[in-house]
Amino acid sequence: MNMERIYKTMRNVGAGSIAMGIVIATVGLTVGTVSIITGAILLKRKSEIEF
């Protein structure tokens, strides 16, 4: 009975870790893409900036 609880806990923790990894990878990819786009826009419009 005790071993069964351990296996269920391990299964849940493993599934949670995989889900969290997917979410973190998706957020990282999204933030990276937005950063690249923002940087490209800034470089494109640098001639419009006056000091």
PDB file of N, CA and C in Angstrom:
ATOM      1  N   MET A   1       0.825  -1.191   0.000  1.00  0.00           N
ATOM      2  CA  MET A   1       0.000   0.000   0.000  1.00  0.00           C
ATOM      3  C   MET A   1       0.871   1.258   0.000  1.00  0.00           C
ATOM      4  N   ASN A   2       1.925   1.272   0.779  1.00  0.00           N
ATOM      5  CA  ASN A   2       2.794   2.438   0.872  1.00  0.00           C
ATOM      6  C   ASN A   2       3.569   2.644  -0.431  1.00  0.00           C
ATOM      7  N   MET A   3       4.008   1.545  -1.054  1.00  0.00           N
ATOM      8  CA  MET A   3       4.749   1.641  -2.311  1.00  0.00           C
ATOM      9  C   MET A   3       3.852   2.186  -3.425  1.00  0.00           C
ATOM     10  N   GLU A   4       2.591   1.824  -3.376  1.00  0.00           N
ATOM     11  CA  GLU A   4       1.655   2.307  -4.394  1.00  0.00           C
ATOM     12  C   GLU A   4       1.513   3.825  -4.295  1.00  0.00           C
ATOM     13  N   ARG A   5       1.460   4.363  -3.097  1.00  0.00           N
ATOM     14  CA  ARG A   5       1.379   5.815  -2.908  1.00  0.00           C
ATOM     15  C   ARG A   5       2.636   6.488  -3.429  1.00  0.00           C
ATOM     16  N   ILE A   6       3.786   5.865  -3.211  1.00  0.00           N
ATOM     17  CA  ILE A   6       5.049   6.438  -3.690  1.00  0.00           C
ATOM     18  C   ILE A   6       5.050   6.493  -5.220  1.00  0.00           C
ATOM     19  N   TYR A   7       4.624   5.418  -5.861  1.00  0.00           N
ATOM     20  CA  TYR A   7       4.589   5.389  -7.320  1.00  0.00           C
ATOM     21  C   TYR A   7       3.612   6.422  -7.876  1.00  0.00           C
ATOM     22  N   LYS A   8       2.466   6.578  -7.239  1.00  0.00           N
ATOM     23  CA  LYS A   8       1.499   7.576  -7.691  1.00  0.00           C
ATOM     24  C   LYS A   8       2.061   8.987  -7.533  1.00  0.00           C
ATOM     25  N   THR A   9       2.745   9.225  -6.415  1.00  0.00           N
ATOM     26  CA  THR A   9       3.361  10.536  -6.195  1.00  0.00           C
ATOM     27  C   THR A   9       4.429  10.810  -7.238  1.00  0.00           C
ATOM     28  N   MET A  10       5.258   9.803  -7.508  1.00  0.00           N
ATOM     29  CA  MET A  10       6.299   9.967  -8.521  1.00  0.00           C
ATOM     30  C   MET A  10       5.692  10.239  -9.894  1.00  0.00           C
ATOM     31  N   ARG A  11       4.611   9.553 -10.216  1.00  0.00           N
ATOM     32  CA  ARG A  11       3.941   9.758 -11.505  1.00  0.00           C
ATOM     33  C   ARG A  11       3.410  11.180 -11.610  1.00  0.00           C
ATOM     34  N   ASN A  12       2.767  11.649 -10.540  1.00  0.00           N
ATOM     35  CA  ASN A  12       2.208  13.003 -10.551  1.00  0.00           C
ATOM     36  C   ASN A  12       3.300  14.065 -10.641  1.00  0.00           C
ATOM     37  N   VAL A  13       4.374  13.868  -9.905  1.00  0.00           N
ATOM     38  CA  VAL A  13       5.476  14.825  -9.944  1.00  0.00           C
ATOM     39  C   VAL A  13       6.128  14.827 -11.327  1.00  0.00           C
ATOM     40  N   GLY A  14       6.297  13.663 -11.920  1.00  0.00           N
ATOM     41  CA  GLY A  14       6.871  13.579 -13.263  1.00  0.00           C
ATOM     42  C   GLY A  14       5.999  14.263 -14.297  1.00  0.00           C
ATOM     43  N   ALA A  15       4.707  14.028 -14.233  1.00  0.00           N
ATOM     44  CA  ALA A  15       3.789  14.674 -15.172  1.00  0.00           C
ATOM     45  C   ALA A  15       3.778  16.188 -14.966  1.00  0.00           C
ATOM     46  N   GLY A  16       3.816  16.609 -13.721  1.00  0.00           N
ATOM     47  CA  GLY A  16       3.859  18.051 -13.430  1.00  0.00           C
ATOM     48  C   GLY A  16       5.137  18.693 -13.939  1.00  0.00           C
ATOM     49  N   SER A  17       6.250  17.993 -13.809  1.00  0.00           N
ATOM     50  CA  SER A  17       7.523  18.515 -14.292  1.00  0.00           C
ATOM     51  C   SER A  17       7.524  18.660 -15.813  1.00  0.00           C
ATOM     52  N   ILE A  18       6.974  17.679 -16.491  1.00  0.00           N
ATOM     53  CA  ILE A  18       6.893  17.757 -17.950  1.00  0.00           C
ATOM     54  C   ILE A  18       6.006  18.923 -18.372  1.00  0.00           C
ATOM     55  N   ALA A  19       4.859  19.067 -17.725  1.00  0.00           N
ATOM     56  CA  ALA A  19       3.947  20.168 -18.046  1.00  0.00           C
ATOM     57  C   ALA A  19       4.612  21.520 -17.782  1.00  0.00           C
ATOM     58  N   MET A  20       5.295  21.641 -16.662  1.00  0.00           N
ATOM     59  CA  MET A  20       5.967  22.886 -16.328  1.00  0.00           C
ATOM     60  C   MET A  20       7.077  23.188 -17.335  1.00  0.00           C
ATOM     61  N   GLY A  21       7.796  22.182 -17.756  1.00  0.00           N
ATOM     62  CA  GLY A  21       8.843  22.371 -18.760  1.00  0.00           C
ATOM     63  C   GLY A  21       8.287  22.867 -20.080  1.00  0.00           C
ATOM     64  N   ILE A  22       7.153  22.332 -20.484  1.00  0.00           N
ATOM     65  CA  ILE A  22       6.519  22.772 -21.735  1.00  0.00           C
ATOM     66  C   ILE A  22       6.081  24.228 -21.618  1.00  0.00           C
ATOM     67  N   VAL A  23       5.490  24.591 -20.485  1.00  0.00           N
ATOM     68  CA  VAL A  23       5.044  25.975 -20.281  1.00  0.00           C
ATOM     69  C   VAL A  23       6.236  26.920 -20.284  1.00  0.00           C
ATOM     70  N   ILE A  24       7.310  26.564 -19.587  1.00  0.00           N
ATOM     71  CA  ILE A  24       8.492  27.426 -19.518  1.00  0.00           C
ATOM     72  C   ILE A  24       9.128  27.573 -20.892  1.00  0.00           C
ATOM     73  N   ALA A  25       9.211  26.490 -21.664  1.00  0.00           N
ATOM     74  CA  ALA A  25       9.775  26.563 -23.016  1.00  0.00           C
ATOM     75  C   ALA A  25       8.929  27.453 -23.914  1.00  0.00           C
ATOM     76  N   THR A  26       7.607  27.353 -23.792  1.00  0.00           N
ATOM     77  CA  THR A  26       6.710  28.178 -24.605  1.00  0.00           C
ATOM     78  C   THR A  26       6.856  29.650 -24.245  1.00  0.00           C
ATOM     79  N   VAL A  27       6.886  29.951 -22.964  1.00  0.00           N
ATOM     80  CA  VAL A  27       7.043  31.341 -22.523  1.00  0.00           C
ATOM     81  C   VAL A  27       8.403  31.884 -22.971  1.00  0.00           C
ATOM     82  N   GLY A  28       9.436  31.085 -22.843  1.00  0.00           N
ATOM     83  CA  GLY A  28      10.774  31.513 -23.272  1.00  0.00           C
ATOM     84  C   GLY A  28      10.830  31.795 -24.761  1.00  0.00           C
ATOM     85  N   LEU A  29      10.216  30.941 -25.550  1.00  0.00           N
ATOM     86  CA  LEU A  29      10.186  31.135 -26.995  1.00  0.00           C
ATOM     87  C   LEU A  29       9.407  32.401 -27.356  1.00  0.00           C
ATOM     88  N   THR A  30       8.303  32.621 -26.668  1.00  0.00           N
ATOM     89  CA  THR A  30       7.490  33.807 -26.925  1.00  0.00           C
ATOM     90  C   THR A  30       8.249  35.077 -26.570  1.00  0.00           C
ATOM     91  N   VAL A  31       8.873  35.100 -25.414  1.00  0.00           N
ATOM     92  CA  VAL A  31       9.629  36.285 -24.988  1.00  0.00           C
ATOM     93  C   VAL A  31      10.803  36.534 -25.935  1.00  0.00           C
ATOM     94  N   GLY A  32      11.476  35.489 -26.346  1.00  0.00           N
ATOM     95  CA  GLY A  32      12.581  35.646 -27.295  1.00  0.00           C
ATOM     96  C   GLY A  32      12.127  36.207 -28.622  1.00  0.00           C
ATOM     97  N   THR A  33      11.011  35.720 -29.120  1.00  0.00           N
ATOM     98  CA  THR A  33      10.472  36.216 -30.386  1.00  0.00           C
ATOM     99  C   THR A  33      10.084  37.685 -30.282  1.00  0.00           C
ATOM    100  N   VAL A  34       9.424  38.049 -29.199  1.00  0.00           N
ATOM    101  CA  VAL A  34       9.029  39.447 -29.004  1.00  0.00           C
ATOM    102  C   VAL A  34      10.273  40.335 -28.905  1.00  0.00           C
ATOM    103  N   SER A  35      11.309  39.867 -28.229  1.00  0.00           N
ATOM    104  CA  SER A  35      12.543  40.652 -28.106  1.00  0.00           C
ATOM    105  C   SER A  35      13.195  40.863 -29.468  1.00  0.00           C
ATOM    106  N   ILE A  36      13.228  39.838 -30.283  1.00  0.00           N
ATOM    107  CA  ILE A  36      13.820  39.962 -31.618  1.00  0.00           C
ATOM    108  C   ILE A  36      13.025  40.946 -32.466  1.00  0.00           C
ATOM    109  N   ILE A  37      11.710  40.850 -32.428  1.00  0.00           N
ATOM    110  CA  ILE A  37      10.869  41.757 -33.212  1.00  0.00           C
ATOM    111  C   ILE A  37      11.044  43.201 -32.741  1.00  0.00           C
ATOM    112  N   THR A  38      11.060  43.404 -31.429  1.00  0.00           N
ATOM    113  CA  THR A  38      11.239  44.752 -30.893  1.00  0.00           C
ATOM    114  C   THR A  38      12.599  45.321 -31.282  1.00  0.00           C
ATOM    115  N   GLY A  39      13.629  44.511 -31.200  1.00  0.00           N
ATOM    116  CA  GLY A  39      14.960  44.960 -31.603  1.00  0.00           C
ATOM    117  C   GLY A  39      15.026  45.314 -33.074  1.00  0.00           C
ATOM    118  N   ALA A  40      14.376  44.521 -33.915  1.00  0.00           N
ATOM    119  CA  ALA A  40      14.356  44.810 -35.349  1.00  0.00           C
ATOM    120  C   ALA A  40      13.626  46.117 -35.635  1.00  0.00           C
ATOM    121  N   ILE A  41      12.540  46.353 -34.936  1.00  0.00           N
ATOM    122  CA  ILE A  41      11.798  47.607 -35.120  1.00  0.00           C
ATOM    123  C   ILE A  41      12.653  48.798 -34.696  1.00  0.00           C
ATOM    124  N   LEU A  42      13.362  48.666 -33.584  1.00  0.00           N
ATOM    125  CA  LEU A  42      14.228  49.752 -33.130  1.00  0.00           C
ATOM    126  C   LEU A  42      15.344  50.018 -34.132  1.00  0.00           C
ATOM    127  N   LEU A  43      15.958  48.969 -34.660  1.00  0.00           N
ATOM    128  CA  LEU A  43      17.024  49.162 -35.651  1.00  0.00           C
ATOM    129  C   LEU A  43      16.489  49.782 -36.931  1.00  0.00           C
ATOM    130  N   LYS A  44      15.288  49.398 -37.312  1.00  0.00           N
ATOM    131  CA  LYS A  44      14.689  49.932 -38.531  1.00  0.00           C
ATOM    132  C   LYS A  44      14.407  51.428 -38.395  1.00  0.00           C
ATOM    133  N   ARG A  45      13.999  51.851 -37.210  1.00  0.00           N
ATOM    134  CA  ARG A  45      13.610  53.247 -36.994  1.00  0.00           C
ATOM    135  C   ARG A  45      14.704  54.099 -36.355  1.00  0.00           C
ATOM    136  N   LYS A  46      15.932  53.610 -36.300  1.00  0.00           N
ATOM    137  CA  LYS A  46      16.982  54.381 -35.631  1.00  0.00           C
ATOM    138  C   LYS A  46      17.286  55.677 -36.349  1.00  0.00           C
ATOM    139  N   SER A  47      17.032  55.759 -37.654  1.00  0.00           N
ATOM    140  CA  SER A  47      17.295  57.002 -38.383  1.00  0.00           C
ATOM    141  C   SER A  47      16.260  58.073 -38.034  1.00  0.00           C
ATOM    142  N   GLU A  48      15.128  57.681 -37.502  1.00  0.00           N
ATOM    143  CA  GLU A  48      14.074  58.637 -37.133  1.00  0.00           C
ATOM    144  C   GLU A  48      14.310  59.289 -35.769  1.00  0.00           C
ATOM    145  N   ILE A  49      15.252  58.741 -35.006  1.00  0.00           N
ATOM    146  CA  ILE A  49      15.504  59.231 -33.659  1.00  0.00           C
ATOM    147  C   ILE A  49      16.434  60.440 -33.726  1.00  0.00           C
ATOM    148  N   GLU A  50      16.038  61.523 -33.074  1.00  0.00           N
ATOM    149  CA  GLU A  50      16.866  62.723 -33.016  1.00  0.00           C
ATOM    150  C   GLU A  50      17.155  63.047 -31.551  1.00  0.00           C
ATOM    151  N   PHE A  51      18.371  63.474 -31.301  1.00  0.00           N
ATOM    152  CA  PHE A  51      18.762  63.849 -29.943  1.00  0.00           C
ATOM    153  C   PHE A  51      18.919  65.331 -29.832  1.00  0.00           C
TER     154      PHE A  51
END
